[in-house]
Amino acid sequence: MSSTDNNKILIKELTDLILKGNAHASLEDALADIPLKDITVAPDNLPYNIWQLTEHIRITQWDIVEFCIDPNHKSPKWPEEYWVKPVEQVTAAQWEESIAQIKADRERFLDLLKHADLFSPLPHGSGQNVLREALLIADHTSYHLGEVLILRRLLNNWKS
């Protein structure tokens, strides 16, 4: 098998990992059909709610995508600018916009992934490459989607 074929296989596997989750719920499944009233509830004194986790996924993924494509990108301050403060209520429009932005940034990254040199360090980074950033998006998102599913189970709105 040629290195070009290997690269195509790797890109397909990374794309599937980011989109489908493979061994865990996808973004679409984890965030589907959540009652709006539950999005801002932090059950059992947990330090976060579904809205905060979703926004954290959105902000972090946006930062990773921007880092990959813009050498002048300035990342938010850690941790305060990666996490939104709890709010009493989120509108349907806010919720839908957050999810739409996650999907749009995910598509921007997947477009980059198709044409990128996966292994060469990004010239403006400190050794990071597109492969690392793809794995980071998949790992980070799946970790926090797992937390979303725990919250949904505690709120009795996740299928068994």
N, C-alpha and C. Protein backbone atom coordinates (compact mmCIF):
# COMPACT_ATOMS: atom_id res chain seq x y z
N MET A 1 0.85 -1.17 0.00
CA MET A 1 0.00 0.00 0.00
C MET A 1 0.90 1.24 0.00
N SER A 2 0.54 2.23 -0.80
CA SER A 2 1.37 3.43 -0.92
C SER A 2 1.11 4.38 0.25
N SER A 3 2.03 5.31 0.43
CA SER A 3 1.85 6.30 1.50
C SER A 3 0.63 7.18 1.22
N THR A 4 0.33 7.41 -0.06
CA THR A 4 -0.88 8.18 -0.41
C THR A 4 -2.13 7.43 0.03
N ASP A 5 -2.16 6.12 -0.22
CA ASP A 5 -3.30 5.30 0.22
C ASP A 5 -3.40 5.30 1.74
N ASN A 6 -2.27 5.16 2.41
CA ASN A 6 -2.27 5.18 3.88
C ASN A 6 -2.80 6.51 4.41
N ASN A 7 -2.40 7.59 3.77
CA ASN A 7 -2.86 8.91 4.18
C ASN A 7 -4.37 9.03 4.01
N LYS A 8 -4.91 8.53 2.89
CA LYS A 8 -6.35 8.57 2.65
C LYS A 8 -7.11 7.76 3.70
N ILE A 9 -6.56 6.60 4.04
CA ILE A 9 -7.19 5.77 5.07
C ILE A 9 -7.18 6.48 6.42
N LEU A 10 -6.05 7.09 6.76
CA LEU A 10 -5.95 7.80 8.03
C LEU A 10 -6.93 8.98 8.07
N ILE A 11 -7.03 9.73 7.00
CA ILE A 11 -7.96 10.86 6.96
C ILE A 11 -9.40 10.38 7.10
N LYS A 12 -9.74 9.27 6.44
CA LYS A 12 -11.09 8.72 6.58
C LYS A 12 -11.36 8.30 8.02
N GLU A 13 -10.40 7.63 8.66
CA GLU A 13 -10.59 7.20 10.04
C GLU A 13 -10.71 8.38 10.99
N LEU A 14 -9.90 9.42 10.79
CA LEU A 14 -9.99 10.62 11.62
C LEU A 14 -11.34 11.31 11.42
N THR A 15 -11.78 11.39 10.18
CA THR A 15 -13.07 12.01 9.88
C THR A 15 -14.20 11.24 10.56
N ASP A 16 -14.17 9.92 10.45
CA ASP A 16 -15.19 9.10 11.10
C ASP A 16 -15.16 9.27 12.62
N LEU A 17 -13.97 9.34 13.19
CA LEU A 17 -13.84 9.51 14.63
C LEU A 17 -14.44 10.84 15.07
N ILE A 18 -14.18 11.89 14.32
CA ILE A 18 -14.70 13.22 14.66
C ILE A 18 -16.21 13.29 14.43
N LEU A 19 -16.71 12.70 13.35
CA LEU A 19 -18.13 12.79 13.02
C LEU A 19 -19.00 11.79 13.76
N LYS A 20 -18.57 10.55 13.79
CA LYS A 20 -19.43 9.47 14.27
C LYS A 20 -19.15 9.06 15.70
N GLY A 21 -17.96 9.28 16.16
CA GLY A 21 -17.64 8.85 17.50
C GLY A 21 -17.19 7.41 17.59
N ASN A 22 -17.62 6.57 16.65
CA ASN A 22 -17.29 5.15 16.65
C ASN A 22 -17.75 4.46 17.93
N ALA A 23 -16.99 4.47 18.99
CA ALA A 23 -17.33 3.72 20.20
C ALA A 23 -18.12 4.54 21.21
N HIS A 24 -18.54 5.73 20.84
CA HIS A 24 -19.32 6.57 21.75
C HIS A 24 -20.35 7.36 20.94
N ALA A 25 -21.23 8.04 21.63
CA ALA A 25 -22.29 8.79 20.97
C ALA A 25 -21.71 9.94 20.16
N SER A 26 -22.33 10.21 19.04
CA SER A 26 -21.94 11.35 18.22
C SER A 26 -22.44 12.64 18.87
N LEU A 27 -21.92 13.75 18.41
CA LEU A 27 -22.39 15.06 18.86
C LEU A 27 -23.89 15.18 18.63
N GLU A 28 -24.33 14.80 17.44
CA GLU A 28 -25.75 14.91 17.10
C GLU A 28 -26.62 14.08 18.04
N ASP A 29 -26.20 12.85 18.33
CA ASP A 29 -26.99 12.01 19.24
C ASP A 29 -26.98 12.55 20.66
N ALA A 30 -25.81 12.94 21.14
CA ALA A 30 -25.68 13.39 22.53
C ALA A 30 -26.47 14.67 22.81
N LEU A 31 -26.59 15.53 21.80
CA LEU A 31 -27.26 16.83 22.01
C LEU A 31 -28.68 16.88 21.46
N ALA A 32 -29.19 15.77 20.96
CA ALA A 32 -30.53 15.76 20.36
C ALA A 32 -31.62 15.69 21.41
N ASP A 33 -32.69 16.41 21.15
CA ASP A 33 -33.94 16.29 21.91
C ASP A 33 -33.79 16.54 23.41
N ILE A 34 -32.91 17.45 23.79
CA ILE A 34 -32.78 17.80 25.21
C ILE A 34 -33.82 18.87 25.51
N PRO A 35 -34.67 18.64 26.49
CA PRO A 35 -35.63 19.69 26.84
C PRO A 35 -34.89 20.97 27.23
N LEU A 36 -35.34 22.08 26.71
CA LEU A 36 -34.68 23.37 26.95
C LEU A 36 -34.54 23.66 28.44
N LYS A 37 -35.52 23.24 29.22
CA LYS A 37 -35.50 23.49 30.66
C LYS A 37 -34.34 22.77 31.35
N ASP A 38 -33.83 21.69 30.75
CA ASP A 38 -32.75 20.90 31.37
C ASP A 38 -31.35 21.39 31.01
N ILE A 39 -31.24 22.22 30.01
CA ILE A 39 -29.92 22.60 29.48
C ILE A 39 -29.08 23.34 30.51
N THR A 40 -29.73 24.10 31.40
CA THR A 40 -28.97 24.90 32.37
C THR A 40 -29.02 24.33 33.78
N VAL A 41 -29.49 23.11 33.93
CA VAL A 41 -29.57 22.48 35.25
C VAL A 41 -28.28 21.70 35.53
N ALA A 42 -27.71 21.94 36.71
CA ALA A 42 -26.54 21.17 37.15
C ALA A 42 -27.00 20.26 38.30
N PRO A 43 -27.33 19.01 38.00
CA PRO A 43 -27.87 18.12 39.03
C PRO A 43 -26.82 17.69 40.04
N ASP A 44 -27.30 17.34 41.21
CA ASP A 44 -26.46 16.76 42.26
C ASP A 44 -25.20 17.58 42.54
N ASN A 45 -25.35 18.88 42.51
CA ASN A 45 -24.24 19.79 42.83
C ASN A 45 -23.04 19.64 41.91
N LEU A 46 -23.25 19.18 40.70
CA LEU A 46 -22.14 19.13 39.74
C LEU A 46 -21.73 20.55 39.37
N PRO A 47 -20.47 20.75 39.02
CA PRO A 47 -19.98 22.11 38.78
C PRO A 47 -20.32 22.68 37.40
N TYR A 48 -21.07 21.96 36.59
CA TYR A 48 -21.37 22.42 35.24
C TYR A 48 -22.72 21.87 34.80
N ASN A 49 -23.22 22.46 33.72
CA ASN A 49 -24.47 21.98 33.15
C ASN A 49 -24.26 21.71 31.66
N ILE A 50 -25.28 21.24 30.99
CA ILE A 50 -25.16 20.88 29.58
C ILE A 50 -24.80 22.09 28.73
N TRP A 51 -25.37 23.25 29.04
CA TRP A 51 -25.04 24.47 28.30
C TRP A 51 -23.55 24.79 28.42
N GLN A 52 -23.02 24.76 29.63
CA GLN A 52 -21.61 25.07 29.83
C GLN A 52 -20.71 24.07 29.10
N LEU A 53 -21.06 22.80 29.14
CA LEU A 53 -20.26 21.79 28.45
C LEU A 53 -20.31 21.99 26.94
N THR A 54 -21.50 22.27 26.42
CA THR A 54 -21.65 22.48 24.98
C THR A 54 -20.87 23.71 24.53
N GLU A 55 -20.98 24.78 25.27
CA GLU A 55 -20.23 25.99 24.95
C GLU A 55 -18.72 25.76 25.06
N HIS A 56 -18.31 24.97 26.03
CA HIS A 56 -16.88 24.66 26.17
C HIS A 56 -16.38 23.87 24.96
N ILE A 57 -17.17 22.92 24.50
CA ILE A 57 -16.83 22.19 23.28
C ILE A 57 -16.72 23.16 22.11
N ARG A 58 -17.70 24.06 21.98
CA ARG A 58 -17.71 25.02 20.88
C ARG A 58 -16.47 25.93 20.91
N ILE A 59 -16.19 26.51 22.06
CA ILE A 59 -15.07 27.44 22.19
C ILE A 59 -13.75 26.73 21.93
N THR A 60 -13.57 25.56 22.50
CA THR A 60 -12.31 24.84 22.35
C THR A 60 -12.10 24.40 20.91
N GLN A 61 -13.12 23.85 20.28
CA GLN A 61 -12.98 23.42 18.90
C GLN A 61 -12.69 24.61 17.99
N TRP A 62 -13.39 25.73 18.20
CA TRP A 62 -13.13 26.95 17.43
C TRP A 62 -11.67 27.37 17.58
N ASP A 63 -11.18 27.34 18.80
CA ASP A 63 -9.79 27.73 19.06
C ASP A 63 -8.82 26.82 18.31
N ILE A 64 -9.06 25.52 18.32
CA ILE A 64 -8.19 24.57 17.62
C ILE A 64 -8.22 24.83 16.12
N VAL A 65 -9.41 25.02 15.56
CA VAL A 65 -9.52 25.28 14.12
C VAL A 65 -8.80 26.57 13.76
N GLU A 66 -9.05 27.62 14.51
CA GLU A 66 -8.40 28.90 14.23
C GLU A 66 -6.89 28.79 14.35
N PHE A 67 -6.42 28.07 15.36
CA PHE A 67 -4.98 27.87 15.53
C PHE A 67 -4.38 27.21 14.29
N CYS A 68 -5.09 26.24 13.74
CA CYS A 68 -4.58 25.52 12.57
C CYS A 68 -4.52 26.39 11.32
N ILE A 69 -5.48 27.30 11.15
CA ILE A 69 -5.56 28.03 9.89
C ILE A 69 -5.02 29.46 9.95
N ASP A 70 -4.89 30.02 11.14
CA ASP A 70 -4.50 31.43 11.26
C ASP A 70 -3.26 31.58 12.13
N PRO A 71 -2.11 31.88 11.52
CA PRO A 71 -0.89 32.03 12.31
C PRO A 71 -0.94 33.19 13.31
N ASN A 72 -1.88 34.11 13.13
CA ASN A 72 -2.00 35.26 14.03
C ASN A 72 -3.07 35.06 15.10
N HIS A 73 -3.68 33.89 15.13
CA HIS A 73 -4.76 33.62 16.10
C HIS A 73 -4.24 33.71 17.53
N LYS A 74 -5.02 34.35 18.37
CA LYS A 74 -4.73 34.43 19.81
C LYS A 74 -5.78 33.60 20.53
N SER A 75 -5.33 32.59 21.23
CA SER A 75 -6.25 31.72 21.97
C SER A 75 -6.85 32.45 23.16
N PRO A 76 -8.06 32.05 23.54
CA PRO A 76 -8.66 32.61 24.75
C PRO A 76 -7.79 32.30 25.98
N LYS A 77 -8.01 33.06 27.05
CA LYS A 77 -7.28 32.82 28.31
C LYS A 77 -7.84 31.57 28.98
N TRP A 78 -6.93 30.71 29.41
CA TRP A 78 -7.32 29.49 30.11
C TRP A 78 -7.35 29.78 31.60
N PRO A 79 -8.34 29.29 32.33
CA PRO A 79 -9.53 28.57 31.86
C PRO A 79 -10.74 29.47 31.65
N GLU A 80 -10.65 30.70 32.15
CA GLU A 80 -11.87 31.53 32.23
C GLU A 80 -12.55 31.81 30.90
N GLU A 81 -11.80 31.90 29.82
CA GLU A 81 -12.44 32.21 28.54
C GLU A 81 -12.84 30.96 27.75
N TYR A 82 -12.58 29.81 28.30
CA TYR A 82 -13.01 28.55 27.67
C TYR A 82 -14.31 28.03 28.29
N TRP A 83 -14.72 28.62 29.39
CA TRP A 83 -15.92 28.16 30.09
C TRP A 83 -16.86 29.35 30.30
N VAL A 84 -18.13 29.19 29.93
CA VAL A 84 -19.12 30.24 30.20
C VAL A 84 -19.64 30.07 31.62
N LYS A 85 -20.06 31.17 32.17
CA LYS A 85 -20.64 31.15 33.52
C LYS A 85 -22.04 30.53 33.46
N PRO A 86 -22.48 29.94 34.56
CA PRO A 86 -23.84 29.39 34.57
C PRO A 86 -24.88 30.50 34.36
N VAL A 87 -25.93 30.18 33.66
CA VAL A 87 -27.05 31.09 33.46
C VAL A 87 -28.33 30.37 33.84
N GLU A 88 -29.35 31.15 34.12
CA GLU A 88 -30.64 30.57 34.52
C GLU A 88 -31.37 29.92 33.35
N GLN A 89 -31.20 30.51 32.17
CA GLN A 89 -32.00 30.08 31.03
C GLN A 89 -31.24 30.31 29.74
N VAL A 90 -31.46 29.43 28.78
CA VAL A 90 -30.91 29.56 27.43
C VAL A 90 -32.10 29.50 26.47
N THR A 91 -32.10 30.38 25.49
CA THR A 91 -33.19 30.35 24.51
C THR A 91 -32.93 29.25 23.48
N ALA A 92 -33.98 28.87 22.80
CA ALA A 92 -33.83 27.88 21.72
C ALA A 92 -32.86 28.40 20.67
N ALA A 93 -32.92 29.69 20.38
CA ALA A 93 -32.02 30.28 19.37
C ALA A 93 -30.56 30.19 19.82
N GLN A 94 -30.29 30.46 21.08
CA GLN A 94 -28.91 30.35 21.60
C GLN A 94 -28.41 28.91 21.51
N TRP A 95 -29.26 27.98 21.89
CA TRP A 95 -28.90 26.57 21.87
C TRP A 95 -28.61 26.11 20.44
N GLU A 96 -29.51 26.44 19.53
CA GLU A 96 -29.33 26.05 18.13
C GLU A 96 -28.10 26.70 17.52
N GLU A 97 -27.83 27.95 17.87
CA GLU A 97 -26.65 28.65 17.34
C GLU A 97 -25.36 28.01 17.84
N SER A 98 -25.33 27.62 19.09
CA SER A 98 -24.14 26.98 19.64
C SER A 98 -23.84 25.67 18.90
N ILE A 99 -24.87 24.85 18.72
CA ILE A 99 -24.69 23.58 18.02
C ILE A 99 -24.32 23.82 16.56
N ALA A 100 -24.95 24.80 15.92
CA ALA A 100 -24.63 25.12 14.52
C ALA A 100 -23.18 25.56 14.38
N GLN A 101 -22.68 26.33 15.33
CA GLN A 101 -21.29 26.78 15.27
C GLN A 101 -20.32 25.61 15.45
N ILE A 102 -20.65 24.70 16.35
CA ILE A 102 -19.81 23.51 16.52
C ILE A 102 -19.73 22.75 15.20
N LYS A 103 -20.88 22.54 14.57
CA LYS A 103 -20.91 21.80 13.31
C LYS A 103 -20.17 22.54 12.20
N ALA A 104 -20.33 23.86 12.13
CA ALA A 104 -19.64 24.65 11.09
C ALA A 104 -18.13 24.60 11.28
N ASP A 105 -17.67 24.75 12.51
CA ASP A 105 -16.22 24.69 12.76
C ASP A 105 -15.69 23.28 12.52
N ARG A 106 -16.49 22.29 12.85
CA ARG A 106 -16.09 20.91 12.58
C ARG A 106 -15.91 20.71 11.08
N GLU A 107 -16.83 21.23 10.28
CA GLU A 107 -16.71 21.12 8.82
C GLU A 107 -15.49 21.87 8.30
N ARG A 108 -15.21 23.04 8.87
CA ARG A 108 -14.00 23.78 8.45
C ARG A 108 -12.76 22.94 8.73
N PHE A 109 -12.73 22.28 9.89
CA PHE A 109 -11.57 21.46 10.21
C PHE A 109 -11.49 20.25 9.28
N LEU A 110 -12.61 19.60 9.01
CA LEU A 110 -12.60 18.43 8.13
C LEU A 110 -12.18 18.80 6.72
N ASP A 111 -12.54 19.99 6.26
CA ASP A 111 -12.07 20.47 4.95
C ASP A 111 -10.55 20.65 4.98
N LEU A 112 -10.04 21.21 6.05
CA LEU A 112 -8.58 21.36 6.21
C LEU A 112 -7.91 19.99 6.22
N LEU A 113 -8.49 19.06 6.94
CA LEU A 113 -7.92 17.73 7.11
C LEU A 113 -7.73 17.02 5.77
N LYS A 114 -8.66 17.22 4.85
CA LYS A 114 -8.59 16.56 3.54
C LYS A 114 -7.36 16.94 2.74
N HIS A 115 -6.84 18.14 2.96
CA HIS A 115 -5.76 18.66 2.12
C HIS A 115 -4.48 18.94 2.89
N ALA A 116 -4.48 18.69 4.17
CA ALA A 116 -3.33 19.06 5.00
C ALA A 116 -2.24 18.00 4.99
N ASP A 117 -1.03 18.44 5.24
CA ASP A 117 0.06 17.53 5.56
C ASP A 117 -0.13 17.20 7.04
N LEU A 118 -0.54 15.99 7.31
CA LEU A 118 -0.91 15.61 8.67
C LEU A 118 0.25 15.63 9.66
N PHE A 119 1.44 15.39 9.16
CA PHE A 119 2.56 15.13 10.06
C PHE A 119 3.53 16.29 10.25
N SER A 120 3.55 17.23 9.33
CA SER A 120 4.50 18.34 9.45
C SER A 120 4.03 19.32 10.51
N PRO A 121 4.95 19.81 11.32
CA PRO A 121 4.57 20.80 12.34
C PRO A 121 3.97 22.05 11.69
N LEU A 122 2.96 22.60 12.33
CA LEU A 122 2.40 23.87 11.87
C LEU A 122 3.48 24.94 12.06
N PRO A 123 3.75 25.75 11.05
CA PRO A 123 4.87 26.69 11.12
C PRO A 123 4.77 27.69 12.27
N HIS A 124 3.57 28.00 12.70
CA HIS A 124 3.39 29.00 13.75
C HIS A 124 3.19 28.37 15.13
N GLY A 125 3.29 27.06 15.22
CA GLY A 125 3.08 26.38 16.49
C GLY A 125 4.39 26.07 17.19
N SER A 126 4.29 25.20 18.16
CA SER A 126 5.48 24.77 18.91
C SER A 126 5.65 23.26 18.79
N GLY A 127 5.39 22.75 17.58
CA GLY A 127 5.53 21.33 17.31
C GLY A 127 4.22 20.64 16.97
N GLN A 128 3.09 21.30 17.13
CA GLN A 128 1.79 20.71 16.82
C GLN A 128 1.66 20.47 15.32
N ASN A 129 0.91 19.42 14.98
CA ASN A 129 0.60 19.15 13.58
C ASN A 129 -0.90 18.88 13.45
N VAL A 130 -1.37 18.79 12.23
CA VAL A 130 -2.81 18.63 12.00
C VAL A 130 -3.31 17.30 12.55
N LEU A 131 -2.50 16.25 12.48
CA LEU A 131 -2.90 14.97 13.06
C LEU A 131 -3.17 15.13 14.55
N ARG A 132 -2.26 15.77 15.26
CA ARG A 132 -2.44 15.99 16.70
C ARG A 132 -3.72 16.77 16.96
N GLU A 133 -3.96 17.81 16.18
CA GLU A 133 -5.14 18.65 16.39
C GLU A 133 -6.42 17.88 16.09
N ALA A 134 -6.41 16.99 15.11
CA ALA A 134 -7.58 16.14 14.82
C ALA A 134 -7.86 15.22 16.00
N LEU A 135 -6.82 14.61 16.52
CA LEU A 135 -6.99 13.72 17.67
C LEU A 135 -7.46 14.50 18.89
N LEU A 136 -6.95 15.72 19.04
CA LEU A 136 -7.36 16.57 20.16
C LEU A 136 -8.84 16.92 20.07
N ILE A 137 -9.30 17.29 18.89
CA ILE A 137 -10.73 17.59 18.71
C ILE A 137 -11.57 16.37 19.06
N ALA A 138 -11.20 15.21 18.53
CA ALA A 138 -11.98 13.99 18.78
C ALA A 138 -11.97 13.62 20.26
N ASP A 139 -10.80 13.65 20.87
CA ASP A 139 -10.65 13.26 22.27
C ASP A 139 -11.39 14.23 23.19
N HIS A 140 -11.16 15.51 23.01
CA HIS A 140 -11.78 16.53 23.86
C HIS A 140 -13.30 16.50 23.74
N THR A 141 -13.79 16.45 22.52
CA THR A 141 -15.23 16.45 22.31
C THR A 141 -15.88 15.21 22.90
N SER A 142 -15.28 14.04 22.67
CA SER A 142 -15.88 12.81 23.19
C SER A 142 -15.88 12.79 24.71
N TYR A 143 -14.83 13.30 25.32
CA TYR A 143 -14.76 13.37 26.79
C TYR A 143 -15.94 14.18 27.33
N HIS A 144 -16.12 15.37 26.78
CA HIS A 144 -17.18 16.23 27.30
C HIS A 144 -18.57 15.77 26.88
N LEU A 145 -18.71 15.12 25.74
CA LEU A 145 -20.01 14.54 25.39
C LEU A 145 -20.37 13.42 26.36
N GLY A 146 -19.38 12.69 26.84
CA GLY A 146 -19.63 11.70 27.88
C GLY A 146 -20.20 12.34 29.13
N GLU A 147 -19.67 13.52 29.48
CA GLU A 147 -20.21 14.25 30.63
C GLU A 147 -21.65 14.70 30.35
N VAL A 148 -21.92 15.14 29.13
CA VAL A 148 -23.29 15.52 28.76
C VAL A 148 -24.23 14.33 28.96
N LEU A 149 -23.80 13.15 28.54
CA LEU A 149 -24.67 11.97 28.68
C LEU A 149 -24.90 11.63 30.15
N ILE A 150 -23.89 11.80 30.99
CA ILE A 150 -24.09 11.57 32.43
C ILE A 150 -25.14 12.54 32.96
N LEU A 151 -25.01 13.82 32.59
CA LEU A 151 -26.00 14.81 33.02
C LEU A 151 -27.39 14.43 32.52
N ARG A 152 -27.49 14.02 31.28
CA ARG A 152 -28.79 13.64 30.73
C ARG A 152 -29.38 12.46 31.49
N ARG A 153 -28.55 11.51 31.86
CA ARG A 153 -29.06 10.37 32.64
C ARG A 153 -29.54 10.83 34.02
N LEU A 154 -28.77 11.72 34.65
CA LEU A 154 -29.18 12.24 35.95
C LEU A 154 -30.47 13.05 35.85
N LEU A 155 -30.70 13.66 34.70
CA LEU A 155 -31.91 14.45 34.47
C LEU A 155 -33.04 13.61 33.87
N ASN A 156 -32.80 12.32 33.72
CA ASN A 156 -33.79 11.38 33.18
C ASN A 156 -34.27 11.75 31.78
N ASN A 157 -33.34 12.22 30.94
CA ASN A 157 -33.74 12.49 29.56
C ASN A 157 -32.79 11.88 28.54
N TRP A 158 -32.16 10.77 28.91
CA TRP A 158 -31.32 10.02 27.97
C TRP A 158 -31.87 8.62 27.86
N LYS A 159 -31.90 8.12 26.65
CA LYS A 159 -32.37 6.75 26.44
C LYS A 159 -31.42 5.78 27.15
N SER A 160 -31.96 4.70 27.62
CA SER A 160 -31.14 3.72 28.35
C SER A 160 -30.33 2.87 27.43
